[in-house]
Amino acid sequence: MPMRGFDIDVAYKTDAGIKSINEDAADFLLPHDPYLQQVKGYTFVVADGVSSAEAGREASQIAVERFLVEYYQTPDMWSVSKSGEQVLSAINLRLFRKSHQYKNDHKGYLTTLSTLVLKGHSGYFFHVGDSRIYLIRDNKLTQLTQDHFASIEKGKTFLTRAVGMDNKLHIDFSRFNLQQDDRFLLCTDGIHDFIVEDELLRLINQPIPMSEICKQLISASVNGNSDDNMSCLLLHLRSLPEQHIDDLNLELTRLPFPPILKSGMKLDGYRVIKEVFSSSRSHLYLVEDEETHEQFAMKVPSKNFIDDIHYIDRFIREQWVGSRIDSEYVVKIIQHHRPRTGLYYLMEWLPGESLDKWLEQHYPVSPKRAIQIVKKIASALEAFHQQDAVHQDLRPANIMIMDQDLVKIVDFGSVFVAGIAELYSPIEFQGVLGTASYSDPNYLQGKNPGVQGDIYSLSTLCYEIFTACLPYGKQVEDCKSMRDYDKLRYITASDINPVIPIWFDKALEKGVKFDLSERYNTVSEFMTDLTQPNPNFLKPQPEVKQSNSLFFWKLVSGFWFVTLVVVIYLFSQTA
């Protein structure tokens, strides 16, 4: 199928063979967007789920599908190697964690993965496991990848590497030059273990469509007594781009910082309408695309950090982090479709106001309205956590409220992505991340509380929405050490807002416990206790003698009845 720049004939076929389940997966993506073709290229993937792991089928499908999606979401300033490594590390951790959710069933999400990327006049591959990538050039078959397995005894081997096997992924990566008429075969061991190389070369070199050769490869494997799933992906480079475009990526990695923009100024086809926000770290503008007349938010780095490579790298990474989060309650990153002359990225424009300003105008908020806003913020956080990402800087200024109380989290500057953490130098903790009023004090000790850190911030936000105060008072802003935090005492929310019941207040208190062993582990646990009275929080205060059991059960029953009435009242009241 002809593509702009490349002329490629590509096809794939996968078959269960003699097995009842096909645990292989294969696919490719040839983007139609010319800009993506230039900066990201074309991708081809084959994976073989490990059958002994029991969840091999799901693992191979997740790996193939997520790579083809997330690779194209990486910043256009990133090289192929960096983009692939980031994405594969995130996928690996996702599968590794899914495996550990099934400890009792011994169910593991393990798969091999072989990925080929073509960009400009260069080819790149990422490889883990014993699937293979072959290059066919000048009537010679060359295996580009190395099998990751070890022999136990004669005829028995086991994989030494697989995606999902460990929390850190070791990837084989290589770059090589392309030539016109190159052919590539990506296949699983159900193919390459049952066709001799001479026959493999003969089949692939036939002057017929790749789709027909794929069928013949499956048939040849069956004739060779293949006892495994069989998958093959073939492509033929009938022509290469006329010009090298690798220089484009080099230019992108050296993009200059844009100047301070004023209303009416233009940058890469975007006209500045107004400056929305400015700080020592970044600038935010409302811009309009002169071609489509769509409005976007443009985030631009501050020139204060023009020589800070770590800041620049983190700024570029924000775009990728944001593009991976799929939630109606998280701001959308806009994919670039034309070259840039400066360093910036685009987001959807949100015509609303930040939560702190919104509260100034709307407090007191009705309980029903308040809990709905908290639920939306919680849903946004769960979208981060599903991608093994922790926000780390949840605060009112980073939450936008639009018409009909639509909620959006808008900032990605402090987001920690567990799957790529090992690819970076450890973070140097110099005080609390984000804003001290809402950030987990554990950051002071150099700890990363992960999801529990976001729960602390969410609990603090919920407390403020219902009381217009902070759970430990304003003194929290003056804390410089853990000793300072230890002197603080939780302020009972119902003392400030009498409508808050005891069980609701106890959930808030548990959410902001400094001791992580006493805090909630997941957002869903916290939200359950906020919306459904936890029996542990409803124990009657007076001690009742066991001999008076009838009185005891009357008291408990009455307490539950009153609690039910309070729940109905609390979450059904309007403004």
Protein backbone atom coordinates (compact mmCIF):
# COMPACT_ATOMS: atom_id res chain seq x y z
CA MET A 1 0.00 0.00 0.00
CA PRO A 2 1.62 3.27 -1.11
CA MET A 3 2.33 5.82 1.63
CA ARG A 4 3.65 9.33 1.46
CA GLY A 5 7.43 8.99 1.59
CA PHE A 6 7.46 5.19 1.66
CA ASP A 7 5.90 2.74 -0.76
CA ILE A 8 5.25 -0.33 1.39
CA ASP A 9 3.49 -3.63 0.81
CA VAL A 10 2.66 -5.06 4.23
CA ALA A 11 0.47 -7.86 5.57
CA TYR A 12 0.22 -10.17 8.56
CA LYS A 13 -1.48 -13.42 9.49
CA THR A 14 -1.91 -15.21 12.79
CA ASP A 15 -3.29 -18.71 13.40
CA ALA A 16 -3.94 -20.81 16.51
CA GLY A 17 -2.58 -23.95 14.84
CA ILE A 18 -3.26 -27.12 16.81
CA LYS A 19 -3.93 -25.17 20.00
CA SER A 20 -7.41 -24.16 21.14
CA ILE A 21 -6.36 -20.58 21.98
CA ASN A 22 -4.23 -18.21 19.93
CA GLU A 23 -1.91 -16.38 22.31
CA ASP A 24 -0.03 -14.58 19.54
CA ALA A 25 -0.77 -11.02 18.43
CA ALA A 26 0.42 -8.98 15.45
CA ASP A 27 -0.43 -5.60 13.94
CA PHE A 28 1.03 -2.50 12.33
CA LEU A 29 0.27 1.20 11.98
CA LEU A 30 0.97 3.37 8.96
CA PRO A 31 -0.17 6.84 10.06
CA HIS A 32 -2.04 8.93 7.52
CA ASP A 33 -0.88 12.19 9.11
CA PRO A 34 2.21 13.36 7.14
CA TYR A 35 3.67 15.00 10.24
CA LEU A 36 3.45 11.76 12.26
CA GLN A 37 4.99 9.91 9.32
CA GLN A 38 7.96 12.26 9.54
CA VAL A 39 8.53 12.43 13.29
CA LYS A 40 7.41 8.92 14.35
CA GLY A 41 7.51 6.75 11.24
CA TYR A 42 5.70 3.42 10.70
CA THR A 43 5.48 0.64 13.28
CA PHE A 44 5.14 -3.16 13.03
CA VAL A 45 4.71 -5.46 16.05
CA VAL A 46 4.55 -9.19 16.78
CA ALA A 47 4.08 -10.74 20.22
CA ASP A 48 3.82 -14.28 21.59
CA GLY A 49 2.04 -14.64 24.92
CA VAL A 50 3.68 -17.11 27.28
CA SER A 51 1.19 -19.97 27.59
CA SER A 52 2.55 -21.25 30.91
CA ALA A 53 1.73 -17.88 32.44
CA GLU A 54 -2.02 -18.47 31.87
CA ALA A 55 -2.69 -14.89 30.80
CA GLY A 56 -0.44 -14.95 27.74
CA ARG A 57 -3.21 -14.11 25.30
CA GLU A 58 -4.21 -10.97 27.19
CA ALA A 59 -0.55 -9.99 27.65
CA SER A 60 0.32 -10.17 23.94
CA GLN A 61 -2.81 -8.23 22.95
CA ILE A 62 -2.18 -5.52 25.54
CA ALA A 63 1.47 -5.18 24.50
CA VAL A 64 0.72 -4.84 20.78
CA GLU A 65 -2.30 -2.58 21.13
CA ARG A 66 -0.74 -0.25 23.70
CA PHE A 67 2.55 0.11 21.83
CA LEU A 68 0.80 1.15 18.63
CA VAL A 69 -1.24 3.72 20.53
CA GLU A 70 1.26 5.07 23.03
CA TYR A 71 4.28 5.27 20.72
CA TYR A 72 2.47 7.90 18.65
CA GLN A 73 1.51 9.81 21.79
CA THR A 74 5.13 10.44 22.76
CA PRO A 75 6.45 13.98 22.19
CA ASP A 76 7.63 14.64 18.65
CA MET A 77 10.91 15.94 20.09
CA TRP A 78 11.80 12.45 21.36
CA SER A 79 13.95 10.10 19.33
CA VAL A 80 12.68 6.67 18.28
CA SER A 81 14.82 4.98 20.92
CA LYS A 82 13.62 7.18 23.76
CA SER A 83 9.97 6.94 22.69
CA GLY A 84 10.09 3.16 22.41
CA GLU A 85 11.92 2.65 25.69
CA GLN A 86 9.50 4.88 27.59
CA VAL A 87 6.44 3.17 26.16
CA LEU A 88 7.74 -0.38 26.59
CA SER A 89 8.83 0.27 30.17
CA ALA A 90 5.34 1.56 30.99
CA ILE A 91 3.69 -1.45 29.31
CA ASN A 92 6.04 -3.82 31.12
CA LEU A 93 5.17 -2.45 34.54
CA ARG A 94 1.48 -2.57 33.69
CA LEU A 95 1.69 -6.29 32.87
CA PHE A 96 3.95 -6.98 35.85
CA ARG A 97 1.44 -5.41 38.23
CA LYS A 98 -1.48 -7.22 36.61
CA SER A 99 0.36 -10.50 37.24
CA HIS A 100 0.66 -9.68 40.93
CA GLN A 101 -3.08 -9.14 41.20
CA TYR A 102 -3.50 -12.90 40.74
CA LYS A 103 -1.14 -14.32 43.35
CA ASN A 104 -3.55 -17.03 44.41
CA ASP A 105 -4.20 -18.20 40.86
CA HIS A 106 -0.53 -18.09 39.78
CA LYS A 107 -1.71 -16.12 36.78
CA GLY A 108 0.97 -14.16 34.92
CA TYR A 109 0.85 -11.62 32.09
CA LEU A 110 4.01 -12.45 30.12
CA THR A 111 4.75 -12.01 26.43
CA THR A 112 7.57 -11.73 23.95
CA LEU A 113 7.62 -8.58 21.82
CA SER A 114 9.43 -7.67 18.60
CA THR A 115 8.83 -4.20 17.19
CA LEU A 116 10.14 -2.67 13.97
CA VAL A 117 10.02 1.09 13.33
CA LEU A 118 10.80 2.64 9.92
CA LYS A 119 11.54 6.36 9.77
CA GLY A 120 13.32 8.21 7.00
CA HIS A 121 16.15 6.05 5.72
CA SER A 122 16.57 4.25 9.05
CA GLY A 123 15.11 1.16 10.65
CA TYR A 124 14.92 0.52 14.38
CA PHE A 125 13.92 -2.50 16.40
CA PHE A 126 12.99 -3.20 20.03
CA HIS A 127 13.09 -6.82 21.08
CA VAL A 128 12.35 -8.96 24.13
CA GLY A 129 11.98 -12.77 24.07
CA ASP A 130 12.23 -15.37 21.30
CA SER A 131 10.06 -13.92 18.55
CA ARG A 132 12.26 -12.80 15.67
CA ILE A 133 12.87 -10.07 13.10
CA TYR A 134 14.57 -11.04 9.84
CA LEU A 135 15.99 -8.78 7.13
CA ILE A 136 15.94 -10.12 3.56
CA ARG A 137 18.38 -8.19 1.36
CA ASP A 138 20.35 -9.20 -1.75
CA ASN A 139 18.92 -12.72 -1.58
CA LYS A 140 20.28 -13.19 1.95
CA LEU A 141 18.29 -13.88 5.13
CA THR A 142 19.69 -12.18 8.25
CA GLN A 143 18.28 -12.59 11.74
CA LEU A 144 18.43 -9.12 13.33
CA THR A 145 17.28 -10.12 16.79
CA GLN A 146 18.75 -12.49 19.35
CA ASP A 147 16.61 -15.12 21.11
CA HIS A 148 16.39 -14.64 24.85
CA PHE A 149 16.22 -18.20 26.15
CA ALA A 150 18.34 -20.71 28.01
CA SER A 151 18.56 -24.49 27.70
CA ILE A 152 17.71 -26.64 30.72
CA GLU A 153 18.38 -29.98 29.11
CA LYS A 154 18.28 -31.39 25.61
CA GLY A 155 15.18 -30.21 23.83
CA LYS A 156 13.97 -28.03 26.73
CA THR A 157 14.39 -24.28 26.97
CA PHE A 158 12.91 -21.41 28.95
CA LEU A 159 12.63 -17.69 28.31
CA THR A 160 15.13 -15.51 30.13
CA ARG A 161 13.37 -12.27 29.17
CA ALA A 162 9.74 -11.36 28.60
CA VAL A 163 7.59 -8.27 28.89
CA GLY A 164 5.92 -8.42 32.32
CA MET A 165 8.51 -10.81 33.81
CA ASP A 166 10.24 -8.23 36.02
CA ASN A 167 9.48 -4.71 37.19
CA LYS A 168 12.42 -3.49 35.12
CA LEU A 169 12.61 -4.34 31.43
CA HIS A 170 15.82 -5.12 29.56
CA ILE A 171 15.30 -4.27 25.90
CA ASP A 172 17.44 -5.04 22.86
CA PHE A 173 17.53 -1.96 20.62
CA SER A 174 19.31 -1.30 17.34
CA ARG A 175 19.34 1.18 14.45
CA PHE A 176 20.33 0.32 10.86
CA ASN A 177 20.16 1.81 7.39
CA LEU A 178 17.39 0.91 4.98
CA GLN A 179 17.69 0.09 1.29
CA GLN A 180 15.10 -0.03 -1.45
CA ASP A 181 13.61 -3.54 -1.91
CA ASP A 182 14.41 -4.55 1.66
CA ARG A 183 11.99 -7.13 3.04
CA PHE A 184 11.33 -7.83 6.70
CA LEU A 185 9.75 -10.78 8.47
CA LEU A 186 8.51 -10.53 12.05
CA CYS A 187 7.40 -13.93 13.37
CA THR A 188 6.81 -16.07 16.44
CA ASP A 189 8.52 -19.37 17.17
CA GLY A 190 5.55 -21.28 15.73
CA ILE A 191 6.91 -20.12 12.35
CA HIS A 192 10.68 -19.86 12.61
CA ASP A 193 11.18 -23.12 14.53
CA PHE A 194 9.42 -25.20 11.85
CA ILE A 195 10.69 -23.79 8.53
CA VAL A 196 14.34 -24.17 7.56
CA GLU A 197 16.08 -20.94 6.57
CA ASP A 198 16.53 -21.85 2.90
CA GLU A 199 12.81 -22.50 2.55
CA LEU A 200 12.03 -19.34 4.51
CA LEU A 201 14.17 -17.28 2.14
CA ARG A 202 12.61 -18.87 -0.94
CA LEU A 203 9.06 -18.18 0.25
CA ILE A 204 9.72 -14.56 1.21
CA ASN A 205 11.52 -13.69 -2.03
CA GLN A 206 8.59 -14.63 -4.23
CA PRO A 207 7.37 -11.79 -6.51
CA ILE A 208 3.84 -11.98 -5.15
CA PRO A 209 1.87 -9.86 -2.61
CA MET A 210 2.94 -10.09 1.02
CA SER A 211 -0.54 -11.30 2.00
CA GLU A 212 -0.11 -14.40 -0.18
CA ILE A 213 3.33 -15.13 1.25
CA CYS A 214 1.92 -14.91 4.78
CA LYS A 215 -0.60 -17.63 3.93
CA GLN A 216 2.17 -19.80 2.51
CA LEU A 217 4.30 -19.33 5.64
CA ILE A 218 1.44 -20.57 7.81
CA SER A 219 0.95 -23.58 5.53
CA ALA A 220 4.66 -24.37 5.51
CA SER A 221 4.73 -24.27 9.32
CA VAL A 222 1.77 -26.64 9.51
CA ASN A 223 3.54 -28.99 7.07
CA GLY A 224 6.60 -28.75 9.29
CA ASN A 225 4.50 -30.09 12.20
CA SER A 226 4.29 -26.81 14.10
CA ASP A 227 2.77 -27.46 17.54
CA ASP A 228 2.37 -23.80 18.48
CA ASN A 229 0.45 -20.67 17.47
CA MET A 230 1.78 -19.22 14.22
CA SER A 231 2.11 -15.51 13.44
CA CYS A 232 4.01 -13.66 10.73
CA LEU A 233 4.17 -10.04 9.56
CA LEU A 234 5.83 -9.29 6.22
CA LEU A 235 6.71 -6.01 4.56
CA HIS A 236 8.41 -5.02 1.34
CA LEU A 237 9.98 -1.55 0.93
CA ARG A 238 9.31 -0.89 -2.73
CA SER A 239 10.74 2.62 -2.41
CA LEU A 240 12.17 4.92 0.26
CA PRO A 241 11.55 8.63 0.89
CA GLU A 242 13.43 10.85 -1.52
CA GLN A 243 15.06 12.86 1.26
CA HIS A 244 16.43 12.01 4.64
CA ILE A 245 14.13 13.33 7.33
CA ASP A 246 16.27 12.38 10.32
CA ASP A 247 17.44 16.01 10.43
CA LEU A 248 13.88 16.99 11.34
CA ASN A 249 14.11 15.12 14.63
CA LEU A 250 17.47 16.72 15.36
CA GLU A 251 15.91 20.14 14.83
CA LEU A 252 12.99 19.30 17.11
CA THR A 253 15.30 18.34 19.97
CA ARG A 254 16.93 21.77 19.68
CA LEU A 255 13.79 23.87 19.45
CA PRO A 256 14.32 27.36 20.88
CA PHE A 257 12.22 28.80 23.70
CA PRO A 258 9.58 31.13 22.25
CA PRO A 259 9.74 34.79 23.32
CA ILE A 260 7.17 36.32 25.68
CA LEU A 261 4.03 36.37 23.53
CA LYS A 262 1.59 39.28 23.32
CA SER A 263 -1.97 39.49 22.04
CA GLY A 264 -2.02 39.42 18.24
CA MET A 265 1.36 37.74 17.84
CA LYS A 266 1.55 34.55 15.75
CA LEU A 267 3.55 31.35 16.21
CA ASP A 268 3.41 28.45 13.73
CA GLY A 269 -0.07 29.40 12.56
CA TYR A 270 -1.47 30.07 16.02
CA ARG A 271 -2.58 33.61 16.86
CA VAL A 272 -2.30 34.67 20.49
CA ILE A 273 -5.60 35.95 21.88
CA LYS A 274 -4.42 36.62 25.44
CA GLU A 275 -2.06 35.54 28.18
CA VAL A 276 -3.89 33.34 30.69
CA PHE A 277 -1.16 32.65 33.23
CA SER A 278 2.46 33.51 33.81
CA SER A 279 4.98 32.36 36.41
CA SER A 280 8.72 31.95 36.80
CA ARG A 281 8.39 28.42 35.39
CA SER A 282 5.98 28.67 32.44
CA HIS A 283 3.47 30.74 30.50
CA LEU A 284 -0.03 29.82 29.32
CA TYR A 285 -1.76 31.50 26.38
CA LEU A 286 -5.15 31.27 24.71
CA VAL A 287 -4.45 30.85 20.99
CA GLU A 288 -6.48 30.34 17.83
CA ASP A 289 -5.52 28.13 14.89
CA GLU A 290 -5.65 30.40 11.86
CA GLU A 291 -6.60 27.49 9.60
CA THR A 292 -9.39 25.85 11.62
CA HIS A 293 -10.27 28.75 13.96
CA GLU A 294 -10.18 26.31 16.88
CA GLN A 295 -9.04 27.68 20.22
CA PHE A 296 -6.37 25.97 22.33
CA ALA A 297 -4.28 26.58 25.42
CA MET A 298 -0.57 26.88 24.57
CA LYS A 299 1.93 26.13 27.32
CA VAL A 300 5.38 27.67 26.84
CA PRO A 301 8.48 27.12 29.03
CA SER A 302 10.01 30.03 30.90
CA LYS A 303 13.32 31.41 29.65
CA ASN A 304 14.53 31.22 33.24
CA PHE A 305 15.32 27.57 32.47
CA ILE A 306 16.71 27.91 28.97
CA ASP A 307 19.97 26.20 30.01
CA ASP A 308 18.42 23.63 32.35
CA ILE A 309 18.34 20.34 30.44
CA HIS A 310 16.43 18.58 33.23
CA TYR A 311 13.70 21.21 33.15
CA ILE A 312 13.50 20.99 29.34
CA ASP A 313 13.28 17.20 29.45
CA ARG A 314 10.55 17.34 32.08
CA PHE A 315 8.61 19.96 30.09
CA ILE A 316 8.70 17.78 26.99
CA ARG A 317 7.65 14.77 29.07
CA GLU A 318 4.53 16.60 30.30
CA GLN A 319 3.03 16.34 26.81
CA TRP A 320 3.47 12.56 26.76
CA VAL A 321 2.18 12.06 30.30
CA GLY A 322 -0.95 14.06 29.51
CA SER A 323 -1.61 12.26 26.24
CA ARG A 324 -1.66 8.86 28.03
CA ILE A 325 -4.44 9.83 30.46
CA ASP A 326 -7.88 9.11 29.03
CA SER A 327 -10.59 10.70 31.18
CA GLU A 328 -13.36 13.21 30.63
CA TYR A 329 -12.09 14.87 33.81
CA VAL A 330 -8.50 15.42 32.61
CA VAL A 331 -7.52 18.11 30.09
CA LYS A 332 -6.79 16.72 26.59
CA ILE A 333 -3.38 17.14 24.96
CA ILE A 334 -3.65 18.23 21.33
CA GLN A 335 -1.54 16.26 18.85
CA HIS A 336 0.68 18.42 16.65
CA HIS A 337 0.01 18.17 12.93
CA ARG A 338 2.62 20.55 11.58
CA PRO A 339 6.25 21.39 12.37
CA ARG A 340 7.10 23.72 15.24
CA THR A 341 9.65 26.51 15.36
CA GLY A 342 9.59 26.77 19.15
CA LEU A 343 9.22 24.62 22.26
CA TYR A 344 5.60 24.44 23.46
CA TYR A 345 2.60 22.13 23.50
CA LEU A 346 -1.14 22.52 23.07
CA MET A 347 -4.10 21.54 25.25
CA GLU A 348 -7.84 21.88 24.86
CA TRP A 349 -9.11 25.30 25.92
CA LEU A 350 -11.22 25.24 29.07
CA PRO A 351 -13.50 28.29 29.53
CA GLY A 352 -13.89 28.08 33.29
CA GLU A 353 -12.15 29.04 36.51
CA SER A 354 -9.86 27.29 38.95
CA LEU A 355 -11.38 25.55 41.95
CA ASP A 356 -9.89 28.03 44.45
CA LYS A 357 -11.54 30.99 42.70
CA TRP A 358 -14.75 29.02 42.21
CA LEU A 359 -14.95 28.26 45.96
CA GLU A 360 -14.55 31.94 46.80
CA GLN A 361 -17.77 32.63 44.89
CA HIS A 362 -19.82 29.52 45.68
CA TYR A 363 -19.03 28.60 49.30
CA PRO A 364 -20.93 27.22 51.11
CA VAL A 365 -21.54 24.49 48.55
CA SER A 366 -24.54 22.20 48.98
CA PRO A 367 -23.45 18.70 50.12
CA LYS A 368 -24.91 17.07 47.00
CA ARG A 369 -23.05 19.43 44.68
CA ALA A 370 -19.84 19.19 46.69
CA ILE A 371 -19.72 15.40 46.70
CA GLN A 372 -20.35 15.30 42.93
CA ILE A 373 -17.32 17.55 42.36
CA VAL A 374 -15.20 15.34 44.64
CA LYS A 375 -16.33 12.22 42.75
CA LYS A 376 -15.20 13.76 39.44
CA ILE A 377 -11.80 14.68 40.85
CA ALA A 378 -11.47 11.15 42.23
CA SER A 379 -12.37 9.67 38.84
CA ALA A 380 -9.66 11.80 37.22
CA LEU A 381 -7.08 10.56 39.73
CA GLU A 382 -8.07 6.95 39.10
CA ALA A 383 -7.39 7.53 35.38
CA PHE A 384 -3.84 8.55 36.32
CA HIS A 385 -3.41 5.56 38.61
CA GLN A 386 -4.63 3.13 35.94
CA GLN A 387 -1.64 4.26 33.86
CA ASP A 388 0.75 3.78 36.81
CA ALA A 389 1.01 7.56 37.11
CA VAL A 390 0.76 9.64 40.29
CA HIS A 391 -0.19 13.31 39.99
CA GLN A 392 1.75 14.57 43.06
CA ASP A 393 0.48 18.15 42.79
CA LEU A 394 -3.29 18.01 43.18
CA ARG A 395 -4.51 21.41 44.41
CA PRO A 396 -7.35 23.85 43.67
CA ALA A 397 -5.28 25.89 41.20
CA ASN A 398 -4.79 22.74 39.06
CA ILE A 399 -8.50 21.93 38.87
CA MET A 400 -10.82 23.77 36.50
CA ILE A 401 -14.59 24.07 37.00
CA MET A 402 -16.71 24.76 33.91
CA ASP A 403 -20.44 25.10 33.24
CA GLN A 404 -22.65 22.41 34.80
CA ASP A 405 -19.79 21.67 37.24
CA LEU A 406 -17.64 19.91 34.64
CA VAL A 407 -14.29 19.23 36.32
CA LYS A 408 -10.85 18.97 34.68
CA ILE A 409 -7.39 18.38 36.13
CA VAL A 410 -5.06 20.56 34.05
CA ASP A 411 -1.43 20.20 35.13
CA PHE A 412 1.11 17.41 34.48
CA GLY A 413 4.31 19.09 35.64
CA SER A 414 4.83 16.95 38.75
CA VAL A 415 3.40 13.65 37.51
CA PHE A 416 5.45 10.58 38.41
CA VAL A 417 5.17 7.63 36.00
CA ALA A 418 6.33 4.45 37.69
CA GLY A 419 6.92 2.59 34.45
CA ILE A 420 9.59 5.02 33.27
CA ALA A 421 11.07 6.01 36.60
CA GLU A 422 14.07 3.74 36.20
CA LEU A 423 15.03 5.51 32.97
CA TYR A 424 15.71 8.75 34.85
CA SER A 425 18.00 9.83 37.62
CA PRO A 426 16.34 9.61 41.04
CA ILE A 427 14.39 12.73 41.98
CA GLU A 428 16.18 14.97 44.44
CA PHE A 429 13.62 15.93 47.05
CA GLN A 430 14.10 19.53 48.15
CA GLY A 431 11.02 20.02 50.29
CA VAL A 432 7.43 19.09 49.59
CA LEU A 433 6.44 18.58 45.96
CA GLY A 434 3.65 20.84 44.74
CA THR A 435 1.97 23.08 47.33
CA ALA A 436 2.62 22.39 51.02
CA SER A 437 -1.05 22.82 51.95
CA TYR A 438 -2.09 19.85 49.81
CA SER A 439 1.05 17.70 49.45
CA ASP A 440 1.81 14.61 51.48
CA PRO A 441 4.42 15.43 54.18
CA ASN A 442 6.13 12.09 53.41
CA TYR A 443 7.76 13.83 50.44
CA LEU A 444 9.86 15.74 52.98
CA GLN A 445 11.59 12.52 53.94
CA GLY A 446 12.43 11.67 50.36
CA LYS A 447 9.66 9.07 50.19
CA ASN A 448 7.36 8.59 47.24
CA PRO A 449 4.03 7.55 48.78
CA GLY A 450 2.64 6.85 45.30
CA VAL A 451 -1.14 6.61 45.11
CA GLN A 452 -1.43 7.34 48.82
CA GLY A 453 0.10 10.77 48.22
CA ASP A 454 -2.71 11.62 45.82
CA ILE A 455 -5.24 10.35 48.36
CA TYR A 456 -3.83 12.79 50.93
CA SER A 457 -4.32 15.65 48.46
CA LEU A 458 -7.82 14.48 47.48
CA SER A 459 -8.86 14.22 51.14
CA THR A 460 -7.51 17.70 51.81
CA LEU A 461 -9.41 19.08 48.83
CA CYS A 462 -12.62 17.38 49.93
CA TYR A 463 -12.21 18.76 53.44
CA GLU A 464 -11.75 22.27 52.03
CA ILE A 465 -14.74 22.04 49.69
CA PHE A 466 -16.98 21.13 52.65
CA THR A 467 -15.42 23.49 55.24
CA ALA A 468 -13.42 26.21 53.43
CA CYS A 469 -10.55 25.24 55.77
CA LEU A 470 -7.59 22.85 55.83
CA PRO A 471 -7.65 19.64 57.93
CA TYR A 472 -4.61 20.72 59.97
CA GLY A 473 -5.24 24.45 59.76
CA LYS A 474 -3.09 27.11 58.14
CA GLN A 475 -0.13 26.08 60.30
CA VAL A 476 0.55 23.30 57.80
CA GLU A 477 1.93 25.90 55.40
CA ASP A 478 4.70 26.77 57.88
CA CYS A 479 5.93 23.19 58.40
CA LYS A 480 9.54 22.63 57.35
CA SER A 481 10.23 19.22 58.87
CA MET A 482 8.41 16.08 59.96
CA ARG A 483 8.81 17.25 63.55
CA ASP A 484 6.71 20.29 62.64
CA TYR A 485 4.03 18.07 61.13
CA ASP A 486 3.99 15.84 64.21
CA LYS A 487 2.87 18.82 66.28
CA LEU A 488 -0.25 19.28 64.17
CA ARG A 489 -3.64 17.88 65.16
CA TYR A 490 -6.53 17.06 62.88
CA ILE A 491 -9.40 19.55 63.18
CA THR A 492 -12.75 17.77 63.33
CA ALA A 493 -14.64 18.78 60.18
CA SER A 494 -18.04 18.65 61.88
CA ASP A 495 -16.88 21.34 64.32
CA ILE A 496 -16.63 23.68 61.33
CA ASN A 497 -19.57 22.42 59.30
CA PRO A 498 -22.24 20.79 61.53
CA VAL A 499 -23.90 19.08 58.55
CA ILE A 500 -20.93 16.70 58.26
CA PRO A 501 -21.67 13.36 59.99
CA ILE A 502 -19.11 11.51 62.10
CA TRP A 503 -18.46 8.71 59.57
CA PHE A 504 -17.80 11.26 56.81
CA ASP A 505 -15.39 13.14 59.05
CA LYS A 506 -13.60 9.91 60.03
CA ALA A 507 -13.06 9.09 56.34
CA LEU A 508 -11.50 12.51 55.79
CA GLU A 509 -9.28 12.05 58.83
CA LYS A 510 -8.09 8.64 57.63
CA GLY A 511 -7.35 10.12 54.19
CA VAL A 512 -4.91 12.68 55.65
CA LYS A 513 -3.13 10.44 58.17
CA PHE A 514 0.61 11.10 58.09
CA ASP A 515 1.32 7.42 58.79
CA LEU A 516 0.88 5.60 55.46
CA SER A 517 -0.12 2.38 57.23
CA GLU A 518 -3.17 4.19 58.61
CA ARG A 519 -4.14 5.91 55.34
CA TYR A 520 -6.31 4.54 52.52
CA ASN A 521 -4.47 2.55 49.85
CA THR A 522 -6.75 3.36 46.91
CA VAL A 523 -9.00 6.19 45.83
CA SER A 524 -11.95 3.81 45.54
CA GLU A 525 -11.61 2.79 49.20
CA PHE A 526 -11.67 6.44 50.25
CA MET A 527 -14.66 7.28 48.06
CA THR A 528 -16.57 4.25 49.34
CA ASP A 529 -16.21 5.46 52.92
CA LEU A 530 -17.21 8.99 51.89
CA THR A 531 -20.45 7.86 50.30
CA GLN A 532 -21.32 4.77 52.36
CA PRO A 533 -21.04 4.83 56.16
CA ASN A 534 -18.23 2.57 57.32
CA PRO A 535 -19.44 0.46 60.29
CA ASN A 536 -16.05 0.94 61.95
CA PHE A 537 -16.78 4.66 62.09
CA LEU A 538 -20.25 4.17 63.55
CA LYS A 539 -19.48 2.46 66.84
CA PRO A 540 -21.59 4.08 69.58
CA GLN A 541 -19.52 6.08 72.05
CA PRO A 542 -21.09 4.90 75.34
CA GLU A 543 -20.01 1.44 76.47
CA VAL A 544 -22.96 -0.93 76.79
CA LYS A 545 -22.84 -3.89 79.17
CA GLN A 546 -23.15 -7.24 77.48
CA SER A 547 -25.91 -8.31 79.88
CA ASN A 548 -28.18 -5.66 78.47
CA SER A 549 -28.03 -7.06 74.93
CA LEU A 550 -31.55 -5.97 73.99
CA PHE A 551 -30.75 -2.36 74.79
CA PHE A 552 -27.47 -2.68 72.87
CA TRP A 553 -29.11 -3.85 69.64
CA LYS A 554 -31.84 -1.24 69.95
CA LEU A 555 -29.13 1.39 70.23
CA VAL A 556 -27.18 0.08 67.22
CA SER A 557 -30.34 -0.23 65.09
CA GLY A 558 -31.39 3.28 65.98
CA PHE A 559 -27.92 4.58 65.18
CA TRP A 560 -28.01 3.00 61.71
CA PHE A 561 -31.49 4.42 61.05
CA VAL A 562 -30.35 7.94 61.96
CA THR A 563 -27.22 7.47 59.82
CA LEU A 564 -29.31 6.43 56.81
CA VAL A 565 -31.46 9.54 57.19
CA VAL A 566 -28.32 11.70 57.38
CA VAL A 567 -26.87 10.10 54.20
CA ILE A 568 -30.09 10.72 52.28
CA TYR A 569 -30.20 14.31 53.52
CA LEU A 570 -26.53 15.04 52.97
CA PHE A 571 -26.31 13.94 49.35
CA SER A 572 -29.76 14.98 48.13
CA GLN A 573 -29.70 18.64 49.13
CA THR A 574 -29.34 21.15 46.32
CA ALA A 575 -27.78 24.58 46.43
